[in-house]
Amino acid sequence: MSDSRVKSLSEDIQKLCPCDIVVISPPKYNELYSKLHNLNRLLAWGHARVIENLLSGVSQGTHTYPGINSCDTVIADKFGDKKYIEKALMSKGKQITLIQRPKAEYDIAVAAASIIARNGFIEEIAALSTQIGVQLPKGAGPQVEEMAQSLIEKHGNEILNKIAKLHFKTTNKLTVITPRTDARPVPTRNGLGEPRANNRLWAPWRAEYIYSSKSDVCIFCEAIAKKDAFILSRGAKGFVIMNTFPYNNGHLMVAPYRHIANVEDLTGEEILLLFDLVQKSVRVLKAKMRPDGFNIGINLGKVAGAGVEGHIHIHIVPRWNGDTNFMPITAETKVISQSLEEAYKLLKEGFGEIP
């Protein structure tokens, strides 16, 4: 729908129905995201506030819509686990039945709410455009990037917090130009305002690996016999161990006790029990480290990246928005990591608590 059509429908809907809008401006959004580190939790917070506000108006009779005296069911679009909204609800919200489903706009109430929300966005971006002094384009794409780059060059990095979601990919594409005394521009990574020369990758534990003598002993077979080998859980057919030289905090490996190299050598029972350990590892990592995603996989053969070829193992690498991978490293992202001992203590606790 066009912006004018959205505006017209929104006005008509608000004449017919109780409604509430929670506006999250870019600065507020970035503040909340820096605290929550999870977009689903942020969305759930906004949904819960609207639900509570509406329920308060209905129960107190402060609205002007006759015949609406109660509400016992709420329908929301499916953007994440239902528990996110349920945890964010307060006293009144905990008394209703919450339904979340994909494409919830098939319900007329959710479709109407989407129109009201879209109109709220259009109005807020118009107000922000007036405040900034330029017409801000919506969405993503070259036009948006060009406008943002122009504003950065005029106002500096600080403008991004006022107009953009800082963790989004579009924002991360932008390059800030900072003049030097010799008038030659030096690119700096978006949002940080630091010259490239000052950025660094901080991973001190890797020095131990670089300077250590390498042996032919299988690290997994050796670890099985040790008590202090960063093993987090021992199952019937395999075990979970921390990677001593991780790609990321919480990098775990699941391996069978048997020293075998190939997937086809695993028995059906081993496959089942190993993936039980993979599932438990993911549950523990979600509970204790709250990652945004995971890389889970097996490297078979040196050419595929296997560091230990003779003993098959499954990697579980938790990932966070903007964390370590090849692109951020080449873009001079600063990475400061938790020690292995601290991570081990945290995760060992989780394996004891979570079934």
Protein backbone atom coordinates (compact mmCIF):
# COMPACT_ATOMS: atom_id res chain seq x y z
CA MET A 1 0.00 0.00 0.00
CA SER A 2 1.09 3.58 -0.59
CA ASP A 3 1.93 5.79 2.40
CA SER A 4 -1.22 7.87 1.84
CA ARG A 5 -3.39 4.72 1.77
CA VAL A 6 -1.77 3.45 4.97
CA LYS A 7 -2.46 6.79 6.66
CA SER A 8 -6.11 6.83 5.60
CA LEU A 9 -6.76 3.24 6.73
CA SER A 10 -4.92 3.78 10.01
CA GLU A 11 -7.16 6.74 10.84
CA ASP A 12 -10.29 4.71 10.03
CA ILE A 13 -9.13 1.74 12.13
CA GLN A 14 -8.35 3.92 15.15
CA LYS A 15 -11.90 5.33 15.04
CA LEU A 16 -13.28 1.79 15.37
CA CYS A 17 -10.88 0.02 17.75
CA PRO A 18 -8.89 0.62 20.93
CA CYS A 19 -5.24 0.84 19.96
CA ASP A 20 -1.87 1.62 21.46
CA ILE A 21 1.47 2.35 19.83
CA VAL A 22 4.90 1.97 21.44
CA VAL A 23 7.42 4.04 19.47
CA ILE A 24 11.04 2.87 19.66
CA SER A 25 13.23 5.61 18.18
CA PRO A 26 16.68 4.70 16.79
CA PRO A 27 18.53 5.91 19.93
CA LYS A 28 16.13 3.97 22.18
CA TYR A 29 16.35 0.92 19.91
CA ASN A 30 20.17 0.94 20.03
CA GLU A 31 20.12 1.40 23.81
CA LEU A 32 17.74 -1.55 24.27
CA TYR A 33 19.65 -3.76 21.84
CA SER A 34 22.94 -3.04 23.63
CA LYS A 35 21.30 -4.32 26.84
CA LEU A 36 19.30 -7.25 25.44
CA HIS A 37 21.65 -8.40 22.62
CA ASN A 38 18.70 -10.16 21.03
CA LEU A 39 16.22 -8.76 18.50
CA ASN A 40 13.46 -11.20 19.49
CA ARG A 41 13.65 -10.08 23.11
CA LEU A 42 13.46 -6.45 22.01
CA LEU A 43 10.40 -7.13 19.83
CA ALA A 44 8.81 -9.07 22.68
CA TRP A 45 9.36 -6.12 25.03
CA GLY A 46 7.51 -3.80 22.60
CA HIS A 47 4.67 -6.27 22.07
CA ALA A 48 4.27 -6.80 25.82
CA ARG A 49 4.10 -3.06 26.53
CA VAL A 50 1.33 -2.60 23.94
CA ILE A 51 -0.59 -5.61 25.28
CA GLU A 52 -0.39 -4.35 28.87
CA ASN A 53 -1.44 -0.82 27.87
CA LEU A 54 -4.45 -2.11 25.93
CA LEU A 55 -5.52 -4.47 28.71
CA SER A 56 -5.30 -1.63 31.24
CA GLY A 57 -7.56 0.56 29.10
CA VAL A 58 -10.10 -2.21 28.62
CA SER A 59 -10.23 -3.23 32.30
CA GLN A 60 -10.48 0.35 33.55
CA GLY A 61 -13.00 1.39 30.91
CA THR A 62 -10.88 4.39 29.88
CA HIS A 63 -11.43 3.81 26.17
CA THR A 64 -14.35 5.29 24.23
CA TYR A 65 -15.49 2.12 22.48
CA PRO A 66 -18.78 0.77 23.89
CA GLY A 67 -19.17 -2.96 24.19
CA ILE A 68 -15.48 -3.71 24.73
CA ASN A 69 -15.24 -4.63 28.39
CA SER A 70 -12.78 -7.51 28.46
CA CYS A 71 -10.06 -9.29 26.52
CA ASP A 72 -8.90 -12.82 27.18
CA THR A 73 -6.96 -13.67 23.98
CA VAL A 74 -4.05 -11.98 22.20
CA ILE A 75 -2.80 -12.93 18.73
CA ALA A 76 0.69 -11.94 17.58
CA ASP A 77 2.82 -12.66 14.55
CA LYS A 78 5.44 -15.39 14.95
CA PHE A 79 8.86 -13.69 15.17
CA GLY A 80 10.46 -15.94 17.79
CA ASP A 81 9.68 -18.36 20.59
CA LYS A 82 6.39 -17.66 22.36
CA LYS A 83 8.23 -17.52 25.69
CA TYR A 84 9.84 -14.17 24.75
CA ILE A 85 6.51 -12.31 24.94
CA GLU A 86 5.24 -14.39 27.86
CA LYS A 87 8.30 -13.50 29.97
CA ALA A 88 7.95 -9.80 29.11
CA LEU A 89 4.27 -9.62 30.12
CA MET A 90 3.25 -8.24 33.52
CA SER A 91 0.29 -9.00 35.78
CA LYS A 92 -2.59 -8.35 33.38
CA GLY A 93 -0.82 -9.93 30.43
CA LYS A 94 -0.15 -13.14 32.30
CA GLN A 95 -3.92 -13.69 32.62
CA ILE A 96 -4.64 -13.83 28.88
CA THR A 97 -4.19 -16.62 26.33
CA LEU A 98 -1.34 -15.74 23.98
CA ILE A 99 -1.40 -17.13 20.44
CA GLN A 100 1.60 -16.69 18.13
CA ARG A 101 1.52 -17.98 14.59
CA PRO A 102 3.23 -17.34 11.24
CA LYS A 103 1.41 -14.92 8.92
CA ALA A 104 -0.86 -13.86 11.77
CA GLU A 105 -2.07 -10.98 9.57
CA TYR A 106 -4.62 -13.46 8.19
CA ASP A 107 -6.48 -12.45 11.36
CA ILE A 108 -8.11 -9.07 10.67
CA ALA A 109 -7.03 -7.65 14.05
CA VAL A 110 -3.34 -8.38 13.37
CA ALA A 111 -3.64 -6.97 9.84
CA ALA A 112 -5.19 -3.80 11.24
CA ALA A 113 -2.43 -3.54 13.87
CA SER A 114 0.19 -3.88 11.12
CA ILE A 115 -1.33 -0.93 9.26
CA ILE A 116 -1.38 1.22 12.40
CA ALA A 117 2.24 0.28 13.15
CA ARG A 118 3.33 1.05 9.58
CA ASN A 119 1.65 4.45 9.75
CA GLY A 120 3.42 5.11 13.04
CA PHE A 121 6.74 4.32 11.36
CA ILE A 122 5.95 6.63 8.41
CA GLU A 123 5.06 9.48 10.77
CA GLU A 124 8.17 9.01 12.91
CA ILE A 125 10.56 8.88 9.95
CA ALA A 126 8.93 12.06 8.59
CA ALA A 127 9.50 13.77 11.96
CA LEU A 128 13.09 12.53 12.07
CA SER A 129 13.66 13.80 8.51
CA THR A 130 12.48 17.26 9.60
CA GLN A 131 14.78 17.14 12.61
CA ILE A 132 17.83 16.07 10.54
CA GLY A 133 17.04 18.43 7.67
CA VAL A 134 16.91 15.87 4.83
CA GLN A 135 14.30 13.41 3.59
CA LEU A 136 15.42 10.05 4.98
CA PRO A 137 14.75 7.10 2.61
CA LYS A 138 13.15 3.97 4.06
CA GLY A 139 14.45 0.40 3.99
CA ALA A 140 17.84 -0.64 2.58
CA GLY A 141 19.78 -0.37 -0.65
CA PRO A 142 22.20 1.96 -2.46
CA GLN A 143 20.02 5.05 -1.96
CA VAL A 144 19.95 4.51 1.80
CA GLU A 145 23.70 3.86 1.96
CA GLU A 146 24.51 6.99 -0.08
CA MET A 147 22.33 9.16 2.14
CA ALA A 148 23.84 7.69 5.32
CA GLN A 149 27.39 8.16 4.01
CA SER A 150 26.61 11.77 3.17
CA LEU A 151 25.24 12.39 6.68
CA ILE A 152 28.27 10.72 8.29
CA GLU A 153 30.66 12.93 6.35
CA LYS A 154 28.69 16.00 7.41
CA HIS A 155 27.91 15.17 11.05
CA GLY A 156 30.32 12.36 12.00
CA ASN A 157 29.66 8.87 13.34
CA GLU A 158 27.33 10.17 16.05
CA ILE A 159 24.56 10.68 13.49
CA LEU A 160 24.20 6.91 13.03
CA ASN A 161 22.79 6.41 16.51
CA LYS A 162 20.04 8.94 15.69
CA ILE A 163 18.96 7.48 12.35
CA ALA A 164 19.96 3.80 12.15
CA LYS A 165 19.94 0.41 13.85
CA LEU A 166 23.65 0.08 14.56
CA HIS A 167 23.81 -3.72 14.44
CA PHE A 168 22.15 -4.03 11.01
CA LYS A 169 24.19 -5.12 7.96
CA THR A 170 23.43 -1.91 6.07
CA THR A 171 25.01 0.14 8.88
CA ASN A 172 28.03 -2.16 8.97
CA LYS A 173 28.70 -1.52 5.27
CA LEU A 174 29.30 2.17 5.79
CA THR A 175 32.79 3.66 5.79
CA VAL A 176 33.62 6.78 7.70
CA ILE A 177 36.18 9.17 6.22
CA THR A 178 38.29 10.92 8.86
CA PRO A 179 40.63 13.69 7.59
CA ARG A 180 44.31 13.47 8.51
CA THR A 181 46.67 16.41 8.93
CA ASP A 182 48.14 15.73 5.49
CA ALA A 183 44.59 15.88 4.05
CA ARG A 184 44.67 12.22 2.95
CA PRO A 185 41.53 10.34 4.09
CA VAL A 186 41.84 7.29 6.31
CA PRO A 187 38.85 4.89 6.43
CA THR A 188 37.67 3.89 9.89
CA ARG A 189 35.18 1.19 10.77
CA ASN A 190 31.57 2.40 11.15
CA GLY A 191 30.51 3.46 14.62
CA LEU A 192 33.92 3.14 16.26
CA GLY A 193 35.68 6.29 15.02
CA GLU A 194 39.08 4.64 15.45
CA PRO A 195 41.90 4.77 12.86
CA ARG A 196 42.77 1.40 11.37
CA ALA A 197 46.22 1.47 12.96
CA ASN A 198 44.68 1.31 16.44
CA ASN A 199 42.39 -1.68 15.84
CA ARG A 200 43.55 -5.14 16.86
CA LEU A 201 42.48 -8.75 17.21
CA TRP A 202 42.99 -9.81 20.83
CA ALA A 203 43.36 -13.58 21.20
CA PRO A 204 46.29 -14.20 23.60
CA TRP A 205 45.60 -17.89 24.19
CA ARG A 206 46.69 -18.70 20.62
CA ALA A 207 50.33 -17.95 21.54
CA GLU A 208 50.40 -21.18 23.55
CA TYR A 209 49.39 -23.11 20.43
CA ILE A 210 51.89 -21.28 18.19
CA TYR A 211 54.89 -21.93 20.48
CA SER A 212 53.93 -25.39 21.70
CA SER A 213 55.58 -28.52 20.33
CA LYS A 214 53.24 -30.54 18.16
CA SER A 215 52.85 -34.29 18.77
CA ASP A 216 51.18 -37.13 16.90
CA VAL A 217 49.08 -38.11 19.93
CA CYS A 218 45.33 -37.79 19.33
CA ILE A 219 44.09 -34.91 21.49
CA PHE A 220 40.69 -36.55 21.96
CA CYS A 221 42.06 -39.93 23.03
CA GLU A 222 44.49 -38.14 25.34
CA ALA A 223 41.72 -35.98 26.83
CA ILE A 224 39.50 -38.98 27.63
CA ALA A 225 42.04 -40.21 30.18
CA LYS A 226 42.51 -36.82 31.85
CA LYS A 227 40.42 -35.18 34.57
CA ASP A 228 41.32 -31.57 33.73
CA ALA A 229 41.08 -31.58 29.93
CA PHE A 230 38.17 -29.12 29.62
CA ILE A 231 35.70 -31.99 29.21
CA LEU A 232 32.20 -30.69 29.98
CA SER A 233 30.11 -33.86 29.71
CA ARG A 234 30.72 -37.59 29.28
CA GLY A 235 27.99 -39.69 27.66
CA ALA A 236 27.59 -43.39 26.93
CA LYS A 237 29.31 -43.26 23.52
CA GLY A 238 31.00 -39.87 23.42
CA PHE A 239 31.87 -36.65 25.21
CA VAL A 240 31.73 -32.83 24.96
CA ILE A 241 35.01 -30.95 25.20
CA MET A 242 35.97 -27.29 24.86
CA ASN A 243 38.23 -26.32 21.98
CA THR A 244 41.45 -25.15 23.65
CA PHE A 245 42.20 -22.83 20.70
CA PRO A 246 38.69 -21.66 19.85
CA TYR A 247 37.31 -19.71 16.92
CA ASN A 248 34.90 -18.11 19.37
CA ASN A 249 33.92 -18.09 23.04
CA GLY A 250 32.11 -21.32 23.90
CA HIS A 251 33.52 -23.26 20.92
CA LEU A 252 32.74 -26.90 21.78
CA MET A 253 33.45 -30.26 20.15
CA VAL A 254 31.51 -33.51 20.46
CA ALA A 255 33.51 -36.69 19.75
CA PRO A 256 33.02 -40.45 20.11
CA TYR A 257 35.24 -42.40 22.50
CA ARG A 258 36.30 -44.65 19.61
CA HIS A 259 39.24 -43.40 17.54
CA ILE A 260 37.62 -43.41 14.11
CA ALA A 261 38.04 -41.03 11.21
CA ASN A 262 34.95 -41.34 9.02
CA VAL A 263 31.22 -40.73 9.31
CA GLU A 264 30.48 -44.14 7.78
CA ASP A 265 32.41 -45.83 10.63
CA LEU A 266 29.96 -44.56 13.25
CA THR A 267 27.29 -46.99 14.45
CA GLY A 268 23.64 -45.98 14.52
CA GLU A 269 23.75 -45.85 18.32
CA GLU A 270 26.84 -43.61 18.28
CA ILE A 271 25.22 -41.19 15.82
CA LEU A 272 22.09 -40.95 17.97
CA LEU A 273 23.94 -40.44 21.24
CA LEU A 274 26.46 -37.98 19.76
CA PHE A 275 23.67 -35.79 18.45
CA ASP A 276 21.98 -35.99 21.85
CA LEU A 277 25.17 -34.36 23.15
CA VAL A 278 25.05 -31.78 20.35
CA GLN A 279 21.47 -30.87 21.31
CA LYS A 280 22.39 -30.57 24.99
CA SER A 281 25.44 -28.43 24.12
CA VAL A 282 23.23 -26.01 22.17
CA ARG A 283 20.74 -25.81 25.04
CA VAL A 284 23.53 -25.05 27.52
CA LEU A 285 25.16 -22.43 25.28
CA LYS A 286 21.79 -20.72 24.72
CA ALA A 287 21.12 -20.62 28.46
CA LYS A 288 24.59 -19.49 29.57
CA MET A 289 25.96 -17.40 26.68
CA ARG A 290 22.83 -16.31 24.75
CA PRO A 291 24.34 -16.45 21.22
CA ASP A 292 22.41 -15.19 18.17
CA GLY A 293 23.21 -18.32 16.15
CA PHE A 294 25.53 -21.31 15.70
CA ASN A 295 27.89 -22.94 13.24
CA ILE A 296 27.58 -26.72 13.69
CA GLY A 297 29.50 -29.10 11.43
CA ILE A 298 32.14 -31.73 10.74
CA ASN A 299 35.41 -31.23 8.86
CA LEU A 300 36.52 -34.46 7.15
CA GLY A 301 40.10 -34.46 5.87
CA LYS A 302 42.86 -31.87 6.05
CA VAL A 303 41.74 -30.24 2.81
CA ALA A 304 38.34 -29.58 4.46
CA GLY A 305 39.93 -27.93 7.48
CA ALA A 306 40.18 -30.86 9.89
CA GLY A 307 42.83 -30.13 12.53
CA VAL A 308 42.62 -33.70 13.88
CA GLU A 309 41.99 -36.03 10.96
CA GLY A 310 42.03 -39.40 12.70
CA HIS A 311 39.31 -38.81 15.29
CA ILE A 312 35.97 -37.58 13.96
CA HIS A 313 34.37 -34.72 15.92
CA ILE A 314 31.50 -32.25 15.59
CA HIS A 315 32.20 -28.53 16.02
CA ILE A 316 29.65 -26.30 17.78
CA VAL A 317 30.57 -22.62 17.46
CA PRO A 318 28.22 -20.02 19.02
CA ARG A 319 27.93 -16.77 17.04
CA TRP A 320 26.92 -13.24 17.95
CA ASN A 321 26.04 -10.36 15.66
CA GLY A 322 29.33 -8.71 14.68
CA ASP A 323 31.55 -11.41 16.20
CA THR A 324 34.75 -12.94 14.83
CA ASN A 325 34.85 -14.25 11.27
CA PHE A 326 37.02 -13.46 8.28
CA MET A 327 35.16 -10.35 7.10
CA PRO A 328 35.17 -8.50 10.45
CA ILE A 329 38.84 -9.40 10.95
CA THR A 330 39.80 -7.85 7.61
CA ALA A 331 37.66 -4.85 8.63
CA GLU A 332 39.76 -4.45 11.80
CA THR A 333 37.10 -5.47 14.31
CA LYS A 334 38.39 -5.49 17.88
CA VAL A 335 37.75 -8.86 19.57
CA ILE A 336 38.28 -9.34 23.30
CA SER A 337 37.47 -12.83 24.56
CA GLN A 338 36.59 -14.56 27.79
CA SER A 339 39.27 -16.85 29.25
CA LEU A 340 38.94 -20.59 28.78
CA GLU A 341 38.82 -21.13 32.54
CA GLU A 342 35.91 -18.70 32.99
CA ALA A 343 34.01 -20.19 30.05
CA TYR A 344 34.62 -23.73 31.33
CA LYS A 345 33.30 -22.88 34.79
CA LEU A 346 30.20 -21.24 33.31
CA LEU A 347 29.41 -24.06 30.87
CA LYS A 348 30.24 -26.86 33.32
CA GLU A 349 27.61 -25.34 35.59
CA GLY A 350 25.15 -25.37 32.69
CA PHE A 351 25.76 -29.03 31.87
CA GLY A 352 24.97 -29.84 35.49
CA GLU A 353 21.74 -27.84 35.47
CA ILE A 354 20.23 -28.56 32.03
CA PRO A 355 18.96 -32.07 31.13
